[in-house]
Amino acid sequence: MARWYIIHAYSGFENKVRDAIISEAERLGLSEGVEEVQVPTETITEVKRGKKVQVERKFMPGYVLAKLNLTDDVYHLVKNTPKVTGFLGSMNKPQAISEKEASRYFGGVADAQASPKREISVDYEIGDSVKVLDGPFASFNGIVEELDFDKAKVKVSVSIFGRATPVELDFEHVELAK
């Protein structure tokens, strides 16, 4: 019976490890032992140069999930795959995880694609000099005072008639000043 296992791989090589395990299983005729190999990812929204961009990112860097019928041959196939350091488990013994726990990691993949997580990253931080791109303060420069990731708002102190005035704007209406 196939069960889910977590494979530890070099960070940044997760996709290569997934592809190598699948192709090596086909080459050796062990495809029935390797049912599925996944790299857990999530879709997030980032603000780059004032524009919202959907980005897929690994949320478990360095790990690959595989549904395996763990025979000795399949174990050695995975263990001898380049860039794999081993299985998650104790005392060199792979520890299976439940179907429910595995579905949490990419559980979905369909759910994540249907509604991206509300995580936003911006390329500026508190104290940075920014330029306002849109709205009544377009082309004004200011200093970032506050970042509110829950509301996707940034508070910028702009100089209006020689006075510093705090203005609340959406993340995508501001970019890092050059």
N, C-alpha and C. Protein backbone atom coordinates (compact mmCIF):
# COMPACT_ATOMS: atom_id res chain seq x y z
N MET A 1 0.83 -1.19 0.00
CA MET A 1 0.00 0.00 0.00
C MET A 1 0.87 1.26 0.00
N ALA A 2 0.58 2.19 -0.86
CA ALA A 2 1.38 3.41 -0.97
C ALA A 2 1.03 4.38 0.15
N ARG A 3 2.07 5.01 0.70
CA ARG A 3 1.89 6.01 1.76
C ARG A 3 2.73 7.22 1.41
N TRP A 4 2.42 8.35 2.04
CA TRP A 4 3.14 9.59 1.79
C TRP A 4 4.39 9.67 2.66
N TYR A 5 5.49 10.10 2.04
CA TYR A 5 6.75 10.29 2.75
C TYR A 5 7.30 11.67 2.39
N ILE A 6 8.05 12.24 3.33
CA ILE A 6 8.69 13.53 3.07
C ILE A 6 10.17 13.25 2.80
N ILE A 7 10.62 13.74 1.65
CA ILE A 7 12.01 13.55 1.24
C ILE A 7 12.75 14.86 1.42
N HIS A 8 13.91 14.80 2.04
CA HIS A 8 14.73 15.99 2.24
C HIS A 8 15.68 16.13 1.05
N ALA A 9 15.64 17.31 0.40
CA ALA A 9 16.48 17.55 -0.78
C ALA A 9 17.23 18.87 -0.59
N TYR A 10 18.24 19.08 -1.41
CA TYR A 10 18.94 20.36 -1.37
C TYR A 10 17.95 21.46 -1.71
N SER A 11 17.99 22.54 -0.97
CA SER A 11 17.09 23.66 -1.23
C SER A 11 17.37 24.25 -2.61
N GLY A 12 16.32 24.49 -3.37
CA GLY A 12 16.47 25.01 -4.72
C GLY A 12 16.47 23.93 -5.79
N PHE A 13 16.59 22.66 -5.37
CA PHE A 13 16.64 21.55 -6.32
C PHE A 13 15.41 20.65 -6.21
N GLU A 14 14.34 21.13 -5.55
CA GLU A 14 13.17 20.29 -5.31
C GLU A 14 12.55 19.79 -6.62
N ASN A 15 12.40 20.67 -7.61
CA ASN A 15 11.79 20.26 -8.88
C ASN A 15 12.67 19.26 -9.63
N LYS A 16 13.98 19.46 -9.58
CA LYS A 16 14.90 18.53 -10.23
C LYS A 16 14.84 17.16 -9.56
N VAL A 17 14.75 17.15 -8.23
CA VAL A 17 14.64 15.89 -7.50
C VAL A 17 13.35 15.17 -7.87
N ARG A 18 12.23 15.91 -7.91
CA ARG A 18 10.94 15.31 -8.30
C ARG A 18 11.05 14.67 -9.68
N ASP A 19 11.58 15.43 -10.64
CA ASP A 19 11.70 14.92 -12.01
C ASP A 19 12.64 13.72 -12.09
N ALA A 20 13.74 13.77 -11.33
CA ALA A 20 14.72 12.67 -11.35
C ALA A 20 14.11 11.39 -10.76
N ILE A 21 13.35 11.52 -9.69
CA ILE A 21 12.73 10.33 -9.08
C ILE A 21 11.74 9.70 -10.05
N ILE A 22 10.91 10.53 -10.69
CA ILE A 22 9.91 10.01 -11.63
C ILE A 22 10.58 9.33 -12.83
N SER A 23 11.56 9.99 -13.43
CA SER A 23 12.21 9.42 -14.62
C SER A 23 13.02 8.17 -14.29
N GLU A 24 13.68 8.15 -13.14
CA GLU A 24 14.46 6.99 -12.74
C GLU A 24 13.55 5.81 -12.42
N ALA A 25 12.38 6.08 -11.83
CA ALA A 25 11.41 5.01 -11.54
C ALA A 25 10.93 4.39 -12.84
N GLU A 26 10.67 5.22 -13.86
CA GLU A 26 10.24 4.69 -15.16
C GLU A 26 11.36 3.88 -15.80
N ARG A 27 12.59 4.38 -15.72
CA ARG A 27 13.72 3.70 -16.32
C ARG A 27 13.96 2.33 -15.71
N LEU A 28 13.80 2.24 -14.39
CA LEU A 28 14.05 0.98 -13.68
C LEU A 28 12.82 0.09 -13.59
N GLY A 29 11.68 0.55 -14.13
CA GLY A 29 10.46 -0.24 -14.07
C GLY A 29 9.83 -0.26 -12.69
N LEU A 30 10.02 0.80 -11.93
CA LEU A 30 9.47 0.88 -10.57
C LEU A 30 8.33 1.89 -10.48
N SER A 31 7.70 2.18 -11.61
CA SER A 31 6.64 3.20 -11.64
C SER A 31 5.48 2.86 -10.71
N GLU A 32 5.19 1.57 -10.55
CA GLU A 32 4.08 1.21 -9.65
C GLU A 32 4.43 1.49 -8.19
N GLY A 33 5.70 1.58 -7.86
CA GLY A 33 6.12 1.89 -6.50
C GLY A 33 6.16 3.38 -6.21
N VAL A 34 6.20 4.19 -7.27
CA VAL A 34 6.24 5.64 -7.12
C VAL A 34 4.95 6.19 -7.73
N GLU A 35 3.92 6.37 -6.89
CA GLU A 35 2.61 6.80 -7.39
C GLU A 35 2.59 8.28 -7.74
N GLU A 36 3.15 9.11 -6.85
CA GLU A 36 3.06 10.55 -7.05
C GLU A 36 4.23 11.22 -6.34
N VAL A 37 4.76 12.28 -6.95
CA VAL A 37 5.83 13.08 -6.33
C VAL A 37 5.44 14.54 -6.51
N GLN A 38 5.40 15.29 -5.41
CA GLN A 38 4.95 16.69 -5.43
C GLN A 38 5.94 17.60 -4.71
N VAL A 39 6.02 18.83 -5.20
CA VAL A 39 6.74 19.90 -4.50
C VAL A 39 5.67 20.85 -3.98
N PRO A 40 5.48 20.95 -2.65
CA PRO A 40 4.43 21.81 -2.12
C PRO A 40 4.69 23.29 -2.43
N THR A 41 3.72 23.91 -3.11
CA THR A 41 3.84 25.33 -3.45
C THR A 41 2.56 26.05 -3.06
N GLU A 42 2.64 27.36 -3.02
CA GLU A 42 1.46 28.19 -2.78
C GLU A 42 1.53 29.40 -3.70
N THR A 43 0.39 29.94 -4.04
CA THR A 43 0.34 31.13 -4.88
C THR A 43 0.13 32.33 -3.98
N ILE A 44 1.01 33.32 -4.12
CA ILE A 44 0.89 34.53 -3.31
C ILE A 44 0.87 35.74 -4.23
N THR A 45 0.46 36.86 -3.70
CA THR A 45 0.44 38.10 -4.44
C THR A 45 1.59 38.97 -3.94
N GLU A 46 2.41 39.43 -4.86
CA GLU A 46 3.50 40.34 -4.51
C GLU A 46 3.29 41.65 -5.25
N VAL A 47 3.83 42.72 -4.70
CA VAL A 47 3.78 44.00 -5.38
C VAL A 47 5.19 44.30 -5.87
N LYS A 48 5.35 44.37 -7.18
CA LYS A 48 6.64 44.67 -7.79
C LYS A 48 6.46 45.88 -8.70
N ARG A 49 7.24 46.90 -8.48
CA ARG A 49 7.17 48.13 -9.29
C ARG A 49 5.75 48.66 -9.40
N GLY A 50 5.02 48.59 -8.29
CA GLY A 50 3.68 49.16 -8.24
C GLY A 50 2.60 48.28 -8.82
N LYS A 51 2.91 47.08 -9.26
CA LYS A 51 1.91 46.20 -9.86
C LYS A 51 1.78 44.92 -9.04
N LYS A 52 0.52 44.43 -8.91
CA LYS A 52 0.30 43.16 -8.22
C LYS A 52 0.66 42.03 -9.17
N VAL A 53 1.40 41.07 -8.67
CA VAL A 53 1.83 39.94 -9.49
C VAL A 53 1.56 38.65 -8.71
N GLN A 54 0.97 37.65 -9.38
CA GLN A 54 0.76 36.34 -8.77
C GLN A 54 2.05 35.54 -8.92
N VAL A 55 2.57 35.02 -7.82
CA VAL A 55 3.82 34.28 -7.84
C VAL A 55 3.61 32.95 -7.13
N GLU A 56 4.16 31.89 -7.70
CA GLU A 56 4.10 30.60 -7.03
C GLU A 56 5.42 30.40 -6.29
N ARG A 57 5.30 30.05 -5.02
CA ARG A 57 6.52 29.88 -4.23
C ARG A 57 6.42 28.60 -3.41
N LYS A 58 7.57 28.00 -3.18
CA LYS A 58 7.63 26.77 -2.38
C LYS A 58 7.43 27.17 -0.92
N PHE A 59 6.50 26.50 -0.24
CA PHE A 59 6.36 26.84 1.17
C PHE A 59 7.02 25.82 2.08
N MET A 60 7.67 24.83 1.51
CA MET A 60 8.51 23.91 2.28
C MET A 60 9.83 23.75 1.53
N PRO A 61 10.64 24.81 1.47
CA PRO A 61 11.90 24.69 0.72
C PRO A 61 12.75 23.55 1.29
N GLY A 62 13.31 22.76 0.38
CA GLY A 62 14.16 21.66 0.81
C GLY A 62 13.42 20.35 1.02
N TYR A 63 12.11 20.33 0.74
CA TYR A 63 11.34 19.10 0.95
C TYR A 63 10.49 18.77 -0.27
N VAL A 64 10.34 17.47 -0.53
CA VAL A 64 9.52 16.95 -1.61
C VAL A 64 8.62 15.88 -0.99
N LEU A 65 7.35 15.87 -1.37
CA LEU A 65 6.42 14.84 -0.87
C LEU A 65 6.26 13.77 -1.94
N ALA A 66 6.28 12.52 -1.52
CA ALA A 66 6.15 11.42 -2.47
C ALA A 66 5.24 10.35 -1.90
N LYS A 67 4.31 9.89 -2.75
CA LYS A 67 3.44 8.77 -2.37
C LYS A 67 4.09 7.51 -2.93
N LEU A 68 4.64 6.72 -2.02
CA LEU A 68 5.46 5.57 -2.41
C LEU A 68 4.95 4.28 -1.81
N ASN A 69 5.12 3.20 -2.56
CA ASN A 69 4.98 1.85 -2.04
C ASN A 69 6.42 1.46 -1.70
N LEU A 70 6.81 1.69 -0.46
CA LEU A 70 8.22 1.68 -0.08
C LEU A 70 8.80 0.28 0.03
N THR A 71 9.26 -0.23 -1.10
CA THR A 71 10.01 -1.49 -1.11
C THR A 71 11.48 -1.12 -1.00
N ASP A 72 12.35 -2.12 -0.87
CA ASP A 72 13.79 -1.84 -0.80
C ASP A 72 14.27 -1.14 -2.07
N ASP A 73 13.76 -1.58 -3.23
CA ASP A 73 14.18 -0.97 -4.50
C ASP A 73 13.77 0.50 -4.58
N VAL A 74 12.55 0.80 -4.19
CA VAL A 74 12.07 2.19 -4.23
C VAL A 74 12.84 3.04 -3.22
N TYR A 75 13.08 2.49 -2.04
CA TYR A 75 13.86 3.20 -1.02
C TYR A 75 15.23 3.59 -1.57
N HIS A 76 15.92 2.63 -2.19
CA HIS A 76 17.26 2.90 -2.72
C HIS A 76 17.22 3.84 -3.92
N LEU A 77 16.17 3.74 -4.73
CA LEU A 77 16.01 4.66 -5.85
C LEU A 77 15.96 6.10 -5.35
N VAL A 78 15.13 6.35 -4.34
CA VAL A 78 14.99 7.71 -3.80
C VAL A 78 16.27 8.13 -3.08
N LYS A 79 16.80 7.25 -2.24
CA LYS A 79 17.98 7.57 -1.44
C LYS A 79 19.19 7.88 -2.32
N ASN A 80 19.31 7.22 -3.49
CA ASN A 80 20.46 7.42 -4.37
C ASN A 80 20.22 8.48 -5.45
N THR A 81 19.09 9.17 -5.38
CA THR A 81 18.82 10.25 -6.33
C THR A 81 19.73 11.42 -5.99
N PRO A 82 20.41 12.01 -7.00
CA PRO A 82 21.26 13.17 -6.73
C PRO A 82 20.49 14.29 -6.06
N LYS A 83 21.11 14.99 -5.14
CA LYS A 83 20.55 16.12 -4.40
C LYS A 83 19.54 15.72 -3.33
N VAL A 84 19.40 14.42 -3.05
CA VAL A 84 18.53 13.95 -1.96
C VAL A 84 19.41 13.61 -0.77
N THR A 85 19.06 14.15 0.40
CA THR A 85 19.85 13.84 1.59
C THR A 85 19.21 12.74 2.43
N GLY A 86 17.93 12.43 2.16
CA GLY A 86 17.30 11.33 2.86
C GLY A 86 15.82 11.56 3.09
N PHE A 87 15.24 10.67 3.87
CA PHE A 87 13.83 10.76 4.22
C PHE A 87 13.70 11.43 5.58
N LEU A 88 12.55 12.03 5.82
CA LEU A 88 12.26 12.52 7.16
C LEU A 88 11.84 11.33 8.00
N GLY A 89 12.43 11.19 9.15
CA GLY A 89 12.14 10.06 10.02
C GLY A 89 13.24 9.95 11.05
N SER A 90 13.17 8.92 11.87
CA SER A 90 14.20 8.78 12.89
C SER A 90 15.02 7.53 12.66
N MET A 91 16.27 7.60 13.02
CA MET A 91 17.19 6.47 12.96
C MET A 91 17.25 5.86 11.55
N ASN A 92 17.38 6.69 10.54
CA ASN A 92 17.46 6.26 9.14
C ASN A 92 16.27 5.42 8.70
N LYS A 93 15.14 5.59 9.38
CA LYS A 93 13.93 4.86 9.02
C LYS A 93 12.88 5.87 8.56
N PRO A 94 12.46 5.81 7.29
CA PRO A 94 11.47 6.78 6.79
C PRO A 94 10.17 6.71 7.58
N GLN A 95 9.65 7.88 7.93
CA GLN A 95 8.40 7.97 8.69
C GLN A 95 7.29 8.43 7.75
N ALA A 96 6.27 7.60 7.56
CA ALA A 96 5.15 7.96 6.70
C ALA A 96 4.27 8.99 7.40
N ILE A 97 3.61 9.83 6.59
CA ILE A 97 2.65 10.77 7.15
C ILE A 97 1.26 10.37 6.66
N SER A 98 0.25 10.84 7.34
CA SER A 98 -1.13 10.46 6.99
C SER A 98 -1.56 11.16 5.70
N GLU A 99 -2.58 10.61 5.09
CA GLU A 99 -3.17 11.21 3.87
C GLU A 99 -3.68 12.61 4.19
N LYS A 100 -4.25 12.78 5.37
CA LYS A 100 -4.79 14.08 5.78
C LYS A 100 -3.68 15.12 5.90
N GLU A 101 -2.57 14.71 6.52
CA GLU A 101 -1.45 15.63 6.69
C GLU A 101 -0.84 15.98 5.33
N ALA A 102 -0.72 15.01 4.45
CA ALA A 102 -0.18 15.26 3.11
C ALA A 102 -1.07 16.23 2.35
N SER A 103 -2.38 16.07 2.48
CA SER A 103 -3.29 16.95 1.76
C SER A 103 -3.21 18.38 2.28
N ARG A 104 -2.77 18.55 3.52
CA ARG A 104 -2.58 19.89 4.07
C ARG A 104 -1.47 20.64 3.34
N TYR A 105 -0.45 19.91 2.91
CA TYR A 105 0.71 20.56 2.29
C TYR A 105 0.41 21.07 0.89
N PHE A 106 -0.42 20.35 0.15
CA PHE A 106 -0.78 20.85 -1.17
C PHE A 106 -2.26 20.71 -1.38
N GLY A 107 -2.97 20.62 -0.30
CA GLY A 107 -4.32 20.19 -0.19
C GLY A 107 -5.34 21.04 -0.64
N GLY A 108 -5.19 21.60 -0.65
CA GLY A 108 -5.01 21.55 -1.90
C GLY A 108 -4.48 22.48 -2.86
N VAL A 109 -3.89 21.74 -3.72
CA VAL A 109 -3.34 22.39 -4.91
C VAL A 109 -4.50 23.07 -5.63
N ALA A 110 -5.65 22.40 -5.73
CA ALA A 110 -6.81 23.00 -6.40
C ALA A 110 -7.33 24.21 -5.63
N ASP A 111 -7.40 24.09 -4.30
CA ASP A 111 -7.87 25.22 -3.49
C ASP A 111 -6.94 26.42 -3.61
N ALA A 112 -5.65 26.16 -3.58
CA ALA A 112 -4.67 27.25 -3.65
C ALA A 112 -4.75 27.96 -4.99
N GLN A 113 -4.98 27.19 -6.06
CA GLN A 113 -5.06 27.82 -7.38
C GLN A 113 -6.37 28.59 -7.51
N ALA A 114 -7.44 28.09 -6.90
CA ALA A 114 -8.73 28.77 -7.00
C ALA A 114 -8.73 30.08 -6.23
N SER A 115 -8.13 30.09 -5.05
CA SER A 115 -8.08 31.33 -4.28
C SER A 115 -6.68 31.49 -3.70
N PRO A 116 -5.86 32.34 -4.30
CA PRO A 116 -4.51 32.55 -3.82
C PRO A 116 -4.51 33.07 -2.38
N LYS A 117 -3.49 32.69 -1.64
CA LYS A 117 -3.37 33.16 -0.27
C LYS A 117 -3.25 34.67 -0.27
N ARG A 118 -3.68 35.30 0.80
CA ARG A 118 -3.69 36.75 0.89
C ARG A 118 -2.35 37.23 1.45
N GLU A 119 -1.28 36.67 0.99
CA GLU A 119 0.04 37.10 1.44
C GLU A 119 0.62 38.03 0.39
N ILE A 120 1.13 39.15 0.84
CA ILE A 120 1.67 40.13 -0.10
C ILE A 120 3.06 40.50 0.37
N SER A 121 3.98 40.58 -0.57
CA SER A 121 5.31 41.07 -0.21
C SER A 121 5.57 42.32 -1.03
N VAL A 122 6.26 43.25 -0.44
CA VAL A 122 6.56 44.52 -1.11
C VAL A 122 8.06 44.71 -1.14
N ASP A 123 8.54 45.52 -2.09
CA ASP A 123 9.99 45.70 -2.21
C ASP A 123 10.48 46.96 -1.50
N TYR A 124 9.73 47.46 -0.51
CA TYR A 124 10.16 48.59 0.30
C TYR A 124 9.80 48.29 1.75
N GLU A 125 10.44 49.00 2.68
CA GLU A 125 10.16 48.78 4.09
C GLU A 125 10.13 50.10 4.83
N ILE A 126 9.81 50.07 6.11
CA ILE A 126 9.70 51.28 6.92
C ILE A 126 11.03 52.05 6.88
N GLY A 127 10.92 53.36 6.61
CA GLY A 127 12.10 54.22 6.53
C GLY A 127 12.59 54.43 5.11
N ASP A 128 12.10 53.65 4.15
CA ASP A 128 12.53 53.80 2.76
C ASP A 128 11.86 55.00 2.12
N SER A 129 12.55 55.59 1.17
CA SER A 129 12.00 56.69 0.38
C SER A 129 11.24 56.08 -0.79
N VAL A 130 9.96 56.50 -0.96
CA VAL A 130 9.12 55.95 -2.01
C VAL A 130 8.50 57.08 -2.84
N LYS A 131 8.02 56.68 -4.02
CA LYS A 131 7.34 57.61 -4.92
C LYS A 131 5.90 57.16 -5.05
N VAL A 132 4.95 58.10 -4.92
CA VAL A 132 3.53 57.78 -5.06
C VAL A 132 3.21 57.74 -6.56
N LEU A 133 2.56 56.66 -7.00
CA LEU A 133 2.30 56.46 -8.42
C LEU A 133 0.91 56.90 -8.86
N ASP A 134 -0.05 56.89 -7.93
CA ASP A 134 -1.45 57.07 -8.33
C ASP A 134 -2.19 57.91 -7.30
N GLY A 135 -3.29 58.49 -7.69
CA GLY A 135 -4.14 59.23 -6.78
C GLY A 135 -3.76 60.70 -6.71
N PRO A 136 -4.33 61.42 -5.75
CA PRO A 136 -4.10 62.87 -5.66
C PRO A 136 -2.64 63.23 -5.34
N PHE A 137 -1.87 62.28 -4.81
CA PHE A 137 -0.48 62.57 -4.46
C PHE A 137 0.50 61.97 -5.45
N ALA A 138 0.04 61.65 -6.66
CA ALA A 138 0.90 61.06 -7.69
C ALA A 138 2.11 61.95 -7.92
N SER A 139 3.26 61.32 -8.07
CA SER A 139 4.58 61.93 -8.28
C SER A 139 5.18 62.58 -7.04
N PHE A 140 4.47 62.54 -5.89
CA PHE A 140 5.05 63.01 -4.64
C PHE A 140 6.01 61.94 -4.13
N ASN A 141 7.06 62.39 -3.45
CA ASN A 141 7.97 61.46 -2.78
C ASN A 141 7.68 61.51 -1.28
N GLY A 142 7.94 60.42 -0.60
CA GLY A 142 7.71 60.38 0.83
C GLY A 142 8.50 59.27 1.49
N ILE A 143 8.32 59.16 2.79
CA ILE A 143 9.02 58.16 3.60
C ILE A 143 7.97 57.19 4.16
N VAL A 144 8.24 55.88 4.05
CA VAL A 144 7.33 54.87 4.57
C VAL A 144 7.37 54.91 6.10
N GLU A 145 6.18 55.08 6.71
CA GLU A 145 6.09 55.11 8.17
C GLU A 145 5.51 53.83 8.74
N GLU A 146 4.57 53.21 7.99
CA GLU A 146 3.87 52.04 8.48
C GLU A 146 3.49 51.13 7.33
N LEU A 147 3.48 49.82 7.57
CA LEU A 147 3.01 48.84 6.59
C LEU A 147 1.92 48.00 7.25
N ASP A 148 0.74 47.94 6.64
CA ASP A 148 -0.37 47.14 7.16
C ASP A 148 -0.67 46.05 6.15
N PHE A 149 -0.12 44.84 6.37
CA PHE A 149 -0.27 43.75 5.43
C PHE A 149 -1.69 43.19 5.42
N ASP A 150 -2.42 43.31 6.54
CA ASP A 150 -3.80 42.81 6.57
C ASP A 150 -4.69 43.60 5.62
N LYS A 151 -4.50 44.91 5.58
CA LYS A 151 -5.32 45.76 4.71
C LYS A 151 -4.64 46.11 3.40
N ALA A 152 -3.38 45.65 3.21
CA ALA A 152 -2.58 45.97 2.02
C ALA A 152 -2.43 47.48 1.86
N LYS A 153 -2.14 48.16 2.97
CA LYS A 153 -1.99 49.62 2.97
C LYS A 153 -0.61 50.00 3.49
N VAL A 154 -0.14 51.14 3.01
CA VAL A 154 1.12 51.70 3.47
C VAL A 154 0.87 53.15 3.88
N LYS A 155 1.45 53.55 5.02
CA LYS A 155 1.33 54.94 5.44
C LYS A 155 2.64 55.64 5.08
N VAL A 156 2.50 56.68 4.26
CA VAL A 156 3.66 57.41 3.75
C VAL A 156 3.58 58.85 4.24
N SER A 157 4.69 59.38 4.70
CA SER A 157 4.77 60.78 5.10
C SER A 157 5.25 61.59 3.90
N VAL A 158 4.33 62.39 3.31
CA VAL A 158 4.70 63.23 2.16
C VAL A 158 4.74 64.69 2.60
N SER A 159 5.56 65.45 1.93
CA SER A 159 5.71 66.87 2.26
C SER A 159 4.76 67.68 1.40
N ILE A 160 3.74 68.27 2.04
CA ILE A 160 2.77 69.11 1.34
C ILE A 160 2.89 70.52 1.90
N PHE A 161 3.24 71.45 1.04
CA PHE A 161 3.48 72.85 1.44
C PHE A 161 4.47 72.95 2.59
N GLY A 162 5.51 72.13 2.53
CA GLY A 162 6.58 72.18 3.52
C GLY A 162 6.26 71.46 4.81
N ARG A 163 5.10 70.82 4.91
CA ARG A 163 4.73 70.09 6.13
C ARG A 163 4.65 68.60 5.85
N ALA A 164 5.16 67.79 6.75
CA ALA A 164 5.06 66.34 6.62
C ALA A 164 3.63 65.91 6.94
N THR A 165 2.98 65.27 5.98
CA THR A 165 1.59 64.83 6.14
C THR A 165 1.50 63.33 5.91
N PRO A 166 0.96 62.58 6.88
CA PRO A 166 0.81 61.12 6.68
C PRO A 166 -0.36 60.83 5.71
N VAL A 167 -0.10 59.96 4.74
CA VAL A 167 -1.09 59.59 3.75
C VAL A 167 -1.15 58.07 3.69
N GLU A 168 -2.38 57.49 3.72
CA GLU A 168 -2.53 56.04 3.64
C GLU A 168 -2.86 55.66 2.20
N LEU A 169 -2.07 54.74 1.62
CA LEU A 169 -2.22 54.33 0.23
C LEU A 169 -2.20 52.82 0.11
N ASP A 170 -2.70 52.30 -1.01
CA ASP A 170 -2.59 50.87 -1.31
C ASP A 170 -1.14 50.56 -1.67
N PHE A 171 -0.72 49.31 -1.40
CA PHE A 171 0.65 48.90 -1.72
C PHE A 171 1.02 49.18 -3.16
N GLU A 172 0.09 48.89 -4.10
CA GLU A 172 0.43 49.02 -5.51
C GLU A 172 0.49 50.46 -6.00
N HIS A 173 0.14 51.44 -5.15
CA HIS A 173 0.19 52.85 -5.54
C HIS A 173 1.52 53.50 -5.17
N VAL A 174 2.45 52.69 -4.68
CA VAL A 174 3.74 53.21 -4.20
C VAL A 174 4.85 52.34 -4.75
N GLU A 175 5.98 52.96 -5.12
CA GLU A 175 7.15 52.19 -5.52
C GLU A 175 8.39 52.81 -4.88
N LEU A 176 9.42 52.01 -4.76
CA LEU A 176 10.68 52.45 -4.19
C LEU A 176 11.24 53.58 -5.04
N ALA A 177 11.62 54.69 -4.39
CA ALA A 177 12.18 55.83 -5.13
C ALA A 177 13.57 55.48 -5.60
N LYS A 178 13.91 55.98 -6.77
CA LYS A 178 15.22 55.66 -7.35
C LYS A 178 16.24 56.69 -7.00
